[in-house]
Amino acid sequence: MIDITTIGWLTIDDIVLTNGTCKMASRGGGALYSAVGAHMWNPKVGIHSVAGRPYYKDTLTQIEARGIDASSIMRSEGNGLELWLLHESEVHKQQIPKLSSSNALGLDAERGPVNGPHAQALGFHLAPQGPESGVANARRIAAFPQKPIVTMDILADSFVNATLYHDLDFLEHLTAFLPSEMEIARIWRPGSIEGWLKENAVRHRCHMVAKLGERGALVCEAATGVLTHVPAYAAAVVDTTGAGDGFCGGFVAGLVAGEDAVAAAAMGTVSASYVVETYGALETCIPSDEQRKARLDDIRAATRAISY
């Protein structure tokens, strides 16, 4: 039984940090980082994705060794998505496909729709992928007979056409939408991020979460429009790659566990705090229940409602 399925890209990342540190050939991608974030809270997590042929066997071996189900990861005949991850500051990053990389949108087509045991999950997280693929997956999964929880993150980098997200009707198929503050500003350009979150949470009856990086997250509850600030945990930061994806994984795990949006965001923040303390998704610490609880208690104590 799979409780949570993450869907999106797996990548091979060459990471360049602001201090000049390089981490080459690190396994990453939103599907993997979000699965790692969810797996901290729920042992029944699987990934639906595609891995490049040169990396396929080792990628599956490493993911399965983590305890995450990799049986819905298919092999691409190409190299898969190979990226340069360039950190220009703590918040400004670029993802640039390498010349040897497969086409990202082509990998969406290779991945295809989720089927089998992974389609029976209680919750799905749509990690960054092409806009057409993400919206199509949201529409299809929302119609599954088990009426699953569906959360979605996006990407606004130059190799996708982010203008396709302008029309927010796809929110009707989601339980929660979790873009970053920068993506909201770049795509929708609202006069007020709080107002934008509230308007769409009420209109589409979808939890709206703006990821704020080191400042935490703004959570706007579906239908009611109640706004809450959930702070980041003061982690010993090594590399922020995948922090937002880890947050999304913890968040969907919270919703699947029956928590409300604010409690789920606190769980996502705990997941992100462990992701940033090392290089690479699969090197992320697996905390004990006591360690998780201590961080969760700190975050909950600092969580505050916002008047808007």
C-alpha atoms as a PDB file:
ATOM      1  CA  MET A   1       0.000   0.000   0.000  1.00  0.00           C
ATOM      2  CA  ILE A   2       1.299   3.438  -0.990  1.00  0.00           C
ATOM      3  CA  ASP A   3      -0.058   6.320   1.105  1.00  0.00           C
ATOM      4  CA  ILE A   4       1.709   9.152  -0.746  1.00  0.00           C
ATOM      5  CA  THR A   5       2.917   9.331  -4.359  1.00  0.00           C
ATOM      6  CA  THR A   6       5.115  12.138  -5.626  1.00  0.00           C
ATOM      7  CA  ILE A   7       5.111  12.854  -9.357  1.00  0.00           C
ATOM      8  CA  GLY A   8       7.655  14.923 -11.258  1.00  0.00           C
ATOM      9  CA  TRP A   9      11.256  15.049 -12.388  1.00  0.00           C
ATOM     10  CA  LEU A  10      14.274  13.214 -11.077  1.00  0.00           C
ATOM     11  CA  THR A  11      17.510  15.029 -11.838  1.00  0.00           C
ATOM     12  CA  ILE A  12      21.256  14.682 -11.746  1.00  0.00           C
ATOM     13  CA  ASP A  13      22.434  17.998 -10.299  1.00  0.00           C
ATOM     14  CA  ASP A  14      25.796  19.729 -10.478  1.00  0.00           C
ATOM     15  CA  ILE A  15      25.380  22.285  -7.673  1.00  0.00           C
ATOM     16  CA  VAL A  16      27.414  25.476  -7.379  1.00  0.00           C
ATOM     17  CA  LEU A  17      26.955  27.397  -4.115  1.00  0.00           C
ATOM     18  CA  THR A  18      27.640  31.082  -3.469  1.00  0.00           C
ATOM     19  CA  ASN A  19      30.858  30.269  -1.606  1.00  0.00           C
ATOM     20  CA  GLY A  20      32.230  28.387  -4.609  1.00  0.00           C
ATOM     21  CA  THR A  21      31.553  24.940  -3.218  1.00  0.00           C
ATOM     22  CA  CYS A  22      30.572  22.442  -5.915  1.00  0.00           C
ATOM     23  CA  LYS A  23      28.671  19.196  -5.452  1.00  0.00           C
ATOM     24  CA  MET A  24      28.722  17.183  -8.643  1.00  0.00           C
ATOM     25  CA  ALA A  25      26.339  14.463  -9.843  1.00  0.00           C
ATOM     26  CA  SER A  26      23.949  14.725  -6.892  1.00  0.00           C
ATOM     27  CA  ARG A  27      20.629  12.938  -7.263  1.00  0.00           C
ATOM     28  CA  GLY A  28      17.804  15.411  -6.885  1.00  0.00           C
ATOM     29  CA  GLY A  29      14.646  16.730  -8.492  1.00  0.00           C
ATOM     30  CA  GLY A  30      11.346  17.751  -6.978  1.00  0.00           C
ATOM     31  CA  ALA A  31       9.890  14.242  -7.053  1.00  0.00           C
ATOM     32  CA  LEU A  32      12.787  12.906  -4.961  1.00  0.00           C
ATOM     33  CA  TYR A  33      13.154  15.803  -2.506  1.00  0.00           C
ATOM     34  CA  SER A  34       9.407  15.881  -1.836  1.00  0.00           C
ATOM     35  CA  ALA A  35       9.364  12.100  -1.338  1.00  0.00           C
ATOM     36  CA  VAL A  36      12.212  12.449   1.178  1.00  0.00           C
ATOM     37  CA  GLY A  37      10.262  15.197   2.987  1.00  0.00           C
ATOM     38  CA  ALA A  38       7.096  13.079   3.107  1.00  0.00           C
ATOM     39  CA  HIS A  39       8.960   9.938   4.135  1.00  0.00           C
ATOM     40  CA  MET A  40      10.100  11.596   7.371  1.00  0.00           C
ATOM     41  CA  TRP A  41       6.464  11.393   8.503  1.00  0.00           C
ATOM     42  CA  ASN A  42       5.024   8.443   6.580  1.00  0.00           C
ATOM     43  CA  PRO A  43       6.874   5.228   5.651  1.00  0.00           C
ATOM     44  CA  LYS A  44       4.590   4.419   2.709  1.00  0.00           C
ATOM     45  CA  VAL A  45       5.865   6.834   0.065  1.00  0.00           C
ATOM     46  CA  GLY A  46       6.488   6.152  -3.624  1.00  0.00           C
ATOM     47  CA  ILE A  47       7.769   8.087  -6.636  1.00  0.00           C
ATOM     48  CA  HIS A  48       6.328   8.147 -10.163  1.00  0.00           C
ATOM     49  CA  SER A  49       9.021   9.440 -12.481  1.00  0.00           C
ATOM     50  CA  VAL A  50      11.651   8.703 -15.137  1.00  0.00           C
ATOM     51  CA  ALA A  51      15.388   8.267 -14.590  1.00  0.00           C
ATOM     52  CA  GLY A  52      18.060   8.593 -17.268  1.00  0.00           C
ATOM     53  CA  ARG A  53      19.544   5.383 -18.636  1.00  0.00           C
ATOM     54  CA  PRO A  54      23.122   5.929 -17.320  1.00  0.00           C
ATOM     55  CA  TYR A  55      21.837   6.554 -13.786  1.00  0.00           C
ATOM     56  CA  TYR A  56      18.766   4.333 -13.677  1.00  0.00           C
ATOM     57  CA  LYS A  57      20.018   1.284 -11.791  1.00  0.00           C
ATOM     58  CA  ASP A  58      21.977   3.189  -9.148  1.00  0.00           C
ATOM     59  CA  THR A  59      19.150   5.699  -8.678  1.00  0.00           C
ATOM     60  CA  LEU A  60      16.598   2.969  -7.969  1.00  0.00           C
ATOM     61  CA  THR A  61      18.994   1.137  -5.655  1.00  0.00           C
ATOM     62  CA  GLN A  62      19.671   4.280  -3.616  1.00  0.00           C
ATOM     63  CA  ILE A  63      16.006   5.307  -3.411  1.00  0.00           C
ATOM     64  CA  GLU A  64      14.888   1.834  -2.362  1.00  0.00           C
ATOM     65  CA  ALA A  65      17.660   1.737   0.261  1.00  0.00           C
ATOM     66  CA  ARG A  66      16.088   4.866   1.736  1.00  0.00           C
ATOM     67  CA  GLY A  67      12.794   3.000   2.143  1.00  0.00           C
ATOM     68  CA  ILE A  68      10.968   4.869  -0.638  1.00  0.00           C
ATOM     69  CA  ASP A  69       9.127   2.807  -3.264  1.00  0.00           C
ATOM     70  CA  ALA A  70      10.808   3.197  -6.669  1.00  0.00           C
ATOM     71  CA  SER A  71       8.758   0.636  -8.604  1.00  0.00           C
ATOM     72  CA  SER A  72       7.009   3.370 -10.644  1.00  0.00           C
ATOM     73  CA  ILE A  73      10.277   4.952 -11.823  1.00  0.00           C
ATOM     74  CA  MET A  74      10.820   4.090 -15.466  1.00  0.00           C
ATOM     75  CA  ARG A  75      14.004   4.156 -17.508  1.00  0.00           C
ATOM     76  CA  SER A  76      14.560   6.774 -20.172  1.00  0.00           C
ATOM     77  CA  GLU A  77      16.762   5.879 -23.106  1.00  0.00           C
ATOM     78  CA  GLY A  78      18.327   9.331 -22.827  1.00  0.00           C
ATOM     79  CA  ASN A  79      20.402  10.804 -20.014  1.00  0.00           C
ATOM     80  CA  GLY A  80      17.394  12.164 -18.141  1.00  0.00           C
ATOM     81  CA  LEU A  81      17.317  15.678 -16.743  1.00  0.00           C
ATOM     82  CA  GLU A  82      20.870  16.849 -16.018  1.00  0.00           C
ATOM     83  CA  LEU A  83      21.056  20.322 -14.467  1.00  0.00           C
ATOM     84  CA  TRP A  84      23.455  22.981 -13.350  1.00  0.00           C
ATOM     85  CA  LEU A  85      22.028  24.431 -10.124  1.00  0.00           C
ATOM     86  CA  LEU A  86      23.609  27.850  -9.738  1.00  0.00           C
ATOM     87  CA  HIS A  87      23.058  29.623  -6.403  1.00  0.00           C
ATOM     88  CA  GLU A  88      23.474  33.362  -7.034  1.00  0.00           C
ATOM     89  CA  SER A  89      22.329  34.210  -3.491  1.00  0.00           C
ATOM     90  CA  GLU A  90      20.483  32.473  -0.686  1.00  0.00           C
ATOM     91  CA  VAL A  91      17.190  33.069  -2.504  1.00  0.00           C
ATOM     92  CA  HIS A  92      18.137  33.517  -6.178  1.00  0.00           C
ATOM     93  CA  LYS A  93      18.949  30.300  -8.021  1.00  0.00           C
ATOM     94  CA  GLN A  94      19.034  29.184 -11.617  1.00  0.00           C
ATOM     95  CA  GLN A  95      18.433  25.695 -12.979  1.00  0.00           C
ATOM     96  CA  ILE A  96      20.109  25.302 -16.369  1.00  0.00           C
ATOM     97  CA  PRO A  97      19.882  22.062 -18.382  1.00  0.00           C
ATOM     98  CA  LYS A  98      23.261  20.702 -19.417  1.00  0.00           C
ATOM     99  CA  LEU A  99      24.010  20.141 -23.096  1.00  0.00           C
ATOM    100  CA  SER A 100      23.858  16.381 -22.504  1.00  0.00           C
ATOM    101  CA  SER A 101      20.452  16.563 -20.778  1.00  0.00           C
ATOM    102  CA  SER A 102      17.226  15.122 -22.089  1.00  0.00           C
ATOM    103  CA  ASN A 103      14.418  17.579 -22.783  1.00  0.00           C
ATOM    104  CA  ALA A 104      12.442  18.213 -19.596  1.00  0.00           C
ATOM    105  CA  LEU A 105       9.039  18.279 -21.297  1.00  0.00           C
ATOM    106  CA  GLY A 106       9.897  15.128 -23.226  1.00  0.00           C
ATOM    107  CA  LEU A 107      10.459  13.396 -19.901  1.00  0.00           C
ATOM    108  CA  ASP A 108       6.915  14.375 -18.869  1.00  0.00           C
ATOM    109  CA  ALA A 109       5.650  12.457 -21.901  1.00  0.00           C
ATOM    110  CA  GLU A 110       7.888   9.468 -21.129  1.00  0.00           C
ATOM    111  CA  ARG A 111       6.660   9.368 -17.532  1.00  0.00           C
ATOM    112  CA  GLY A 112       3.004   9.192 -18.546  1.00  0.00           C
ATOM    113  CA  PRO A 113       0.067   8.923 -16.117  1.00  0.00           C
ATOM    114  CA  VAL A 114       0.394   7.180 -12.770  1.00  0.00           C
ATOM    115  CA  ASN A 115      -1.105   3.688 -12.656  1.00  0.00           C
ATOM    116  CA  GLY A 116      -1.146   0.572 -10.482  1.00  0.00           C
ATOM    117  CA  PRO A 117      -0.540   0.697  -6.712  1.00  0.00           C
ATOM    118  CA  HIS A 118       0.850   4.233  -6.898  1.00  0.00           C
ATOM    119  CA  ALA A 119      -2.493   5.425  -8.273  1.00  0.00           C
ATOM    120  CA  GLN A 120      -4.261   4.123  -5.151  1.00  0.00           C
ATOM    121  CA  ALA A 121      -2.474   6.558  -2.824  1.00  0.00           C
ATOM    122  CA  LEU A 122      -4.328   8.710  -0.310  1.00  0.00           C
ATOM    123  CA  GLY A 123      -2.292  11.760  -1.264  1.00  0.00           C
ATOM    124  CA  PHE A 124      -0.362  12.958  -4.305  1.00  0.00           C
ATOM    125  CA  HIS A 125       2.200  15.721  -4.607  1.00  0.00           C
ATOM    126  CA  LEU A 126       2.722  17.132  -8.092  1.00  0.00           C
ATOM    127  CA  ALA A 127       6.327  18.278  -7.950  1.00  0.00           C
ATOM    128  CA  PRO A 128       7.698  20.693 -10.587  1.00  0.00           C
ATOM    129  CA  GLN A 129       7.094  19.504 -14.143  1.00  0.00           C
ATOM    130  CA  GLY A 130       5.867  21.098 -17.347  1.00  0.00           C
ATOM    131  CA  PRO A 131       2.686  23.197 -16.892  1.00  0.00           C
ATOM    132  CA  GLU A 132       0.657  21.057 -19.293  1.00  0.00           C
ATOM    133  CA  SER A 133       1.710  17.887 -17.490  1.00  0.00           C
ATOM    134  CA  GLY A 134       1.057  19.312 -14.022  1.00  0.00           C
ATOM    135  CA  VAL A 135      -2.429  20.563 -14.844  1.00  0.00           C
ATOM    136  CA  ALA A 136      -3.354  17.347 -16.676  1.00  0.00           C
ATOM    137  CA  ASN A 137      -2.176  15.263 -13.718  1.00  0.00           C
ATOM    138  CA  ALA A 138      -4.151  17.427 -11.276  1.00  0.00           C
ATOM    139  CA  ARG A 139      -7.327  17.038 -13.296  1.00  0.00           C
ATOM    140  CA  ARG A 140      -6.914  13.287 -13.707  1.00  0.00           C
ATOM    141  CA  ILE A 141      -5.927  12.488 -10.112  1.00  0.00           C
ATOM    142  CA  ALA A 142      -8.678  14.644  -8.595  1.00  0.00           C
ATOM    143  CA  ALA A 143     -11.173  12.340 -10.347  1.00  0.00           C
ATOM    144  CA  PHE A 144      -9.742   9.143  -8.811  1.00  0.00           C
ATOM    145  CA  PRO A 145     -12.428   7.183  -6.911  1.00  0.00           C
ATOM    146  CA  GLN A 146     -10.653   7.447  -3.540  1.00  0.00           C
ATOM    147  CA  LYS A 147     -10.884  11.292  -3.740  1.00  0.00           C
ATOM    148  CA  PRO A 148      -7.241  11.797  -2.784  1.00  0.00           C
ATOM    149  CA  ILE A 149      -5.481  14.843  -1.449  1.00  0.00           C
ATOM    150  CA  VAL A 150      -3.670  16.607  -4.315  1.00  0.00           C
ATOM    151  CA  THR A 151      -0.961  19.222  -3.739  1.00  0.00           C
ATOM    152  CA  MET A 152       1.039  21.019  -6.405  1.00  0.00           C
ATOM    153  CA  ASP A 153       4.277  22.969  -6.730  1.00  0.00           C
ATOM    154  CA  ILE A 154       5.525  24.676  -9.902  1.00  0.00           C
ATOM    155  CA  LEU A 155       8.640  25.881 -11.671  1.00  0.00           C
ATOM    156  CA  ALA A 156       9.104  29.250 -13.343  1.00  0.00           C
ATOM    157  CA  ASP A 157      12.540  28.673 -14.902  1.00  0.00           C
ATOM    158  CA  SER A 158      13.224  29.577 -18.508  1.00  0.00           C
ATOM    159  CA  PHE A 159      12.896  26.039 -19.882  1.00  0.00           C
ATOM    160  CA  VAL A 160       9.142  25.966 -19.176  1.00  0.00           C
ATOM    161  CA  ASN A 161       6.413  28.355 -20.318  1.00  0.00           C
ATOM    162  CA  ALA A 162       5.261  29.641 -16.932  1.00  0.00           C
ATOM    163  CA  THR A 163       2.671  31.948 -18.534  1.00  0.00           C
ATOM    164  CA  LEU A 164       0.492  28.845 -18.897  1.00  0.00           C
ATOM    165  CA  TYR A 165      -0.149  29.106 -15.149  1.00  0.00           C
ATOM    166  CA  HIS A 166      -1.809  32.543 -15.498  1.00  0.00           C
ATOM    167  CA  ASP A 167      -5.275  31.013 -15.568  1.00  0.00           C
ATOM    168  CA  LEU A 168      -5.779  29.637 -12.060  1.00  0.00           C
ATOM    169  CA  ASP A 169      -8.760  27.423 -12.883  1.00  0.00           C
ATOM    170  CA  PHE A 170      -6.529  24.391 -12.225  1.00  0.00           C
ATOM    171  CA  LEU A 171      -6.812  25.211  -8.509  1.00  0.00           C
ATOM    172  CA  GLU A 172     -10.280  23.633  -8.631  1.00  0.00           C
ATOM    173  CA  HIS A 173      -8.549  20.236  -8.856  1.00  0.00           C
ATOM    174  CA  LEU A 174      -6.141  20.807  -5.955  1.00  0.00           C
ATOM    175  CA  THR A 175      -6.310  20.497  -2.199  1.00  0.00           C
ATOM    176  CA  ALA A 176      -3.348  22.866  -1.833  1.00  0.00           C
ATOM    177  CA  PHE A 177      -1.126  24.996  -4.084  1.00  0.00           C
ATOM    178  CA  LEU A 178       2.423  25.728  -2.892  1.00  0.00           C
ATOM    179  CA  PRO A 179       4.356  28.159  -5.120  1.00  0.00           C
ATOM    180  CA  SER A 180       7.274  30.242  -3.892  1.00  0.00           C
ATOM    181  CA  GLU A 181       7.009  33.947  -3.182  1.00  0.00           C
ATOM    182  CA  MET A 182       9.290  34.632  -6.163  1.00  0.00           C
ATOM    183  CA  GLU A 183       7.164  32.508  -8.498  1.00  0.00           C
ATOM    184  CA  ILE A 184       4.020  34.357  -7.416  1.00  0.00           C
ATOM    185  CA  ALA A 185       5.693  37.704  -8.102  1.00  0.00           C
ATOM    186  CA  ARG A 186       7.105  36.565 -11.449  1.00  0.00           C
ATOM    187  CA  ILE A 187       3.958  34.941 -12.855  1.00  0.00           C
ATOM    188  CA  TRP A 188       0.957  36.757 -11.315  1.00  0.00           C
ATOM    189  CA  ARG A 189       2.517  40.024 -10.040  1.00  0.00           C
ATOM    190  CA  PRO A 190      -0.092  40.713  -7.351  1.00  0.00           C
ATOM    191  CA  GLY A 191      -0.183  44.028  -5.526  1.00  0.00           C
ATOM    192  CA  SER A 192      -0.254  42.109  -2.243  1.00  0.00           C
ATOM    193  CA  ILE A 193       0.807  38.521  -1.720  1.00  0.00           C
ATOM    194  CA  GLU A 194      -1.545  38.224   1.268  1.00  0.00           C
ATOM    195  CA  GLY A 195      -4.465  39.516  -0.771  1.00  0.00           C
ATOM    196  CA  TRP A 196      -3.659  37.186  -3.669  1.00  0.00           C
ATOM    197  CA  LEU A 197      -3.485  34.161  -1.385  1.00  0.00           C
ATOM    198  CA  LYS A 198      -6.746  35.037   0.352  1.00  0.00           C
ATOM    199  CA  GLU A 199      -8.665  35.794  -2.835  1.00  0.00           C
ATOM    200  CA  ASN A 200      -7.735  32.478  -4.437  1.00  0.00           C
ATOM    201  CA  ALA A 201      -8.116  30.373  -1.294  1.00  0.00           C
ATOM    202  CA  VAL A 202     -11.684  31.605  -0.927  1.00  0.00           C
ATOM    203  CA  ARG A 203     -12.587  31.573  -4.621  1.00  0.00           C
ATOM    204  CA  HIS A 204     -11.199  28.121  -5.420  1.00  0.00           C
ATOM    205  CA  ARG A 205     -11.567  26.522  -1.971  1.00  0.00           C
ATOM    206  CA  CYS A 206      -7.925  25.506  -2.124  1.00  0.00           C
ATOM    207  CA  HIS A 207      -5.264  25.947   0.562  1.00  0.00           C
ATOM    208  CA  MET A 208      -2.777  28.529  -0.716  1.00  0.00           C
ATOM    209  CA  VAL A 209       0.784  28.430   0.618  1.00  0.00           C
ATOM    210  CA  ALA A 210       3.538  30.873  -0.320  1.00  0.00           C
ATOM    211  CA  LYS A 211       7.012  29.542   0.421  1.00  0.00           C
ATOM    212  CA  LEU A 212       9.177  32.400   1.724  1.00  0.00           C
ATOM    213  CA  GLY A 213      12.575  30.715   1.981  1.00  0.00           C
ATOM    214  CA  GLU A 214      14.399  31.544   5.200  1.00  0.00           C
ATOM    215  CA  ARG A 215      11.326  33.507   6.368  1.00  0.00           C
ATOM    216  CA  GLY A 216       9.132  30.409   6.426  1.00  0.00           C
ATOM    217  CA  ALA A 217       5.722  30.232   4.750  1.00  0.00           C
ATOM    218  CA  LEU A 218       2.413  32.058   4.537  1.00  0.00           C
ATOM    219  CA  VAL A 219      -0.548  29.694   4.793  1.00  0.00           C
ATOM    220  CA  CYS A 220      -4.042  30.706   3.698  1.00  0.00           C
ATOM    221  CA  GLU A 221      -6.731  28.186   4.526  1.00  0.00           C
ATOM    222  CA  ALA A 222      -9.199  27.093   1.887  1.00  0.00           C
ATOM    223  CA  ALA A 223     -12.625  28.744   1.891  1.00  0.00           C
ATOM    224  CA  THR A 224     -12.071  30.769   5.088  1.00  0.00           C
ATOM    225  CA  GLY A 225      -9.083  32.774   3.884  1.00  0.00           C
ATOM    226  CA  VAL A 226      -7.499  32.713   7.358  1.00  0.00           C
ATOM    227  CA  LEU A 227      -3.812  33.667   7.069  1.00  0.00           C
ATOM    228  CA  THR A 228      -1.011  32.283   9.226  1.00  0.00           C
ATOM    229  CA  HIS A 229       2.754  32.765   9.201  1.00  0.00           C
ATOM    230  CA  VAL A 230       4.734  29.589   9.862  1.00  0.00           C
ATOM    231  CA  PRO A 231       8.400  30.470  10.498  1.00  0.00           C
ATOM    232  CA  ALA A 232      11.421  28.562   9.237  1.00  0.00           C
ATOM    233  CA  TYR A 233      13.392  26.485  11.705  1.00  0.00           C
ATOM    234  CA  ALA A 234      16.856  27.824  12.569  1.00  0.00           C
ATOM    235  CA  ALA A 235      18.728  24.945  10.923  1.00  0.00           C
ATOM    236  CA  ALA A 236      22.474  24.690  10.357  1.00  0.00           C
ATOM    237  CA  VAL A 237      22.233  25.428   6.629  1.00  0.00           C
ATOM    238  CA  VAL A 238      24.664  23.704   4.265  1.00  0.00           C
ATOM    239  CA  ASP A 239      22.742  23.769   0.965  1.00  0.00           C
ATOM    240  CA  THR A 240      19.212  25.073   0.335  1.00  0.00           C
ATOM    241  CA  THR A 241      18.707  22.959  -2.806  1.00  0.00           C
ATOM    242  CA  GLY A 242      15.426  21.061  -2.497  1.00  0.00           C
ATOM    243  CA  ALA A 243      14.229  22.878   0.631  1.00  0.00           C
ATOM    244  CA  GLY A 244      10.947  23.929  -0.972  1.00  0.00           C
ATOM    245  CA  ASP A 245      10.328  20.435  -2.298  1.00  0.00           C
ATOM    246  CA  GLY A 246      11.079  18.920   1.105  1.00  0.00           C
ATOM    247  CA  PHE A 247       8.577  21.363   2.604  1.00  0.00           C
ATOM    248  CA  CYS A 248       5.926  20.223   0.113  1.00  0.00           C
ATOM    249  CA  GLY A 249       6.555  16.584   1.013  1.00  0.00           C
ATOM    250  CA  GLY A 250       6.107  17.219   4.719  1.00  0.00           C
ATOM    251  CA  PHE A 251       3.011  19.296   3.951  1.00  0.00           C
ATOM    252  CA  VAL A 252       1.230  16.587   1.963  1.00  0.00           C
ATOM    253  CA  ALA A 253       2.172  14.042   4.638  1.00  0.00           C
ATOM    254  CA  GLY A 254       0.478  16.290   7.186  1.00  0.00           C
ATOM    255  CA  LEU A 255      -2.730  16.528   5.181  1.00  0.00           C
ATOM    256  CA  VAL A 256      -2.761  12.757   4.624  1.00  0.00           C
ATOM    257  CA  ALA A 257      -2.388  12.319   8.408  1.00  0.00           C
ATOM    258  CA  GLY A 258      -5.521  14.444   8.912  1.00  0.00           C
ATOM    259  CA  GLU A 259      -3.796  17.644  10.034  1.00  0.00           C
ATOM    260  CA  ASP A 260      -5.057  21.102   9.080  1.00  0.00           C
ATOM    261  CA  ALA A 261      -3.094  23.303   6.658  1.00  0.00           C
ATOM    262  CA  VAL A 262      -1.174  25.181   9.356  1.00  0.00           C
ATOM    263  CA  ALA A 263      -0.093  22.010  11.161  1.00  0.00           C
ATOM    264  CA  ALA A 264       0.847  20.467   7.809  1.00  0.00           C
ATOM    265  CA  ALA A 265       2.983  23.531   7.022  1.00  0.00           C
ATOM    266  CA  ALA A 266       4.779  23.121  10.347  1.00  0.00           C
ATOM    267  CA  MET A 267       5.534  19.513   9.388  1.00  0.00           C
ATOM    268  CA  GLY A 268       6.775  20.703   6.003  1.00  0.00           C
ATOM    269  CA  THR A 269       9.054  23.188   7.725  1.00  0.00           C
ATOM    270  CA  VAL A 270      10.576  20.393   9.811  1.00  0.00           C
ATOM    271  CA  SER A 271      11.220  18.361   6.650  1.00  0.00           C
ATOM    272  CA  ALA A 272      12.857  21.340   4.947  1.00  0.00           C
ATOM    273  CA  SER A 273      15.044  21.977   7.986  1.00  0.00           C
ATOM    274  CA  TYR A 274      16.663  18.560   7.610  1.00  0.00           C
ATOM    275  CA  VAL A 275      17.032  18.858   3.820  1.00  0.00           C
ATOM    276  CA  VAL A 276      19.122  22.055   4.100  1.00  0.00           C
ATOM    277  CA  GLU A 277      21.542  20.544   6.601  1.00  0.00           C
ATOM    278  CA  THR A 278      23.382  18.451   3.997  1.00  0.00           C
ATOM    279  CA  TYR A 279      24.139  18.088   0.282  1.00  0.00           C
ATOM    280  CA  GLY A 280      21.714  15.972  -1.739  1.00  0.00           C
ATOM    281  CA  ALA A 281      18.288  14.489  -1.197  1.00  0.00           C
ATOM    282  CA  LEU A 282      19.426  10.984  -0.321  1.00  0.00           C
ATOM    283  CA  GLU A 283      21.995  12.216   2.198  1.00  0.00           C
ATOM    284  CA  THR A 284      19.266  13.931   4.228  1.00  0.00           C
ATOM    285  CA  CYS A 285      19.065  12.781   7.827  1.00  0.00           C
ATOM    286  CA  ILE A 286      16.214  10.475   8.848  1.00  0.00           C
ATOM    287  CA  PRO A 287      15.298  12.002  12.240  1.00  0.00           C
ATOM    288  CA  SER A 288      13.909  10.124  15.190  1.00  0.00           C
ATOM    289  CA  ASP A 289      10.393  10.788  16.432  1.00  0.00           C
ATOM    290  CA  GLU A 290      11.868  12.764  19.337  1.00  0.00           C
ATOM    291  CA  GLN A 291      14.039  14.913  17.053  1.00  0.00           C
ATOM    292  CA  ARG A 292      11.115  15.683  14.751  1.00  0.00           C
ATOM    293  CA  LYS A 293       8.859  16.536  17.665  1.00  0.00           C
ATOM    294  CA  ALA A 294      11.370  18.925  19.197  1.00  0.00           C
ATOM    295  CA  ARG A 295      11.622  20.926  15.967  1.00  0.00           C
ATOM    296  CA  LEU A 296       7.877  20.770  15.400  1.00  0.00           C
ATOM    297  CA  ASP A 297       7.212  22.120  18.894  1.00  0.00           C
ATOM    298  CA  ASP A 298       9.598  25.049  18.283  1.00  0.00           C
ATOM    299  CA  ILE A 299       7.875  25.927  15.006  1.00  0.00           C
ATOM    300  CA  ARG A 300       4.370  25.679  16.433  1.00  0.00           C
ATOM    301  CA  ALA A 301       5.330  27.937  19.334  1.00  0.00           C
ATOM    302  CA  ALA A 302       6.438  30.644  16.897  1.00  0.00           C
ATOM    303  CA  THR A 303       3.503  30.306  14.469  1.00  0.00           C
ATOM    304  CA  ARG A 304       1.291  33.388  14.338  1.00  0.00           C
ATOM    305  CA  ALA A 305      -2.046  34.333  12.785  1.00  0.00           C
ATOM    306  CA  ILE A 306      -1.956  37.342  10.440  1.00  0.00           C
ATOM    307  CA  SER A 307      -4.621  40.028  10.234  1.00  0.00           C
ATOM    308  CA  TYR A 308      -5.323  41.149   6.681  1.00  0.00           C
END
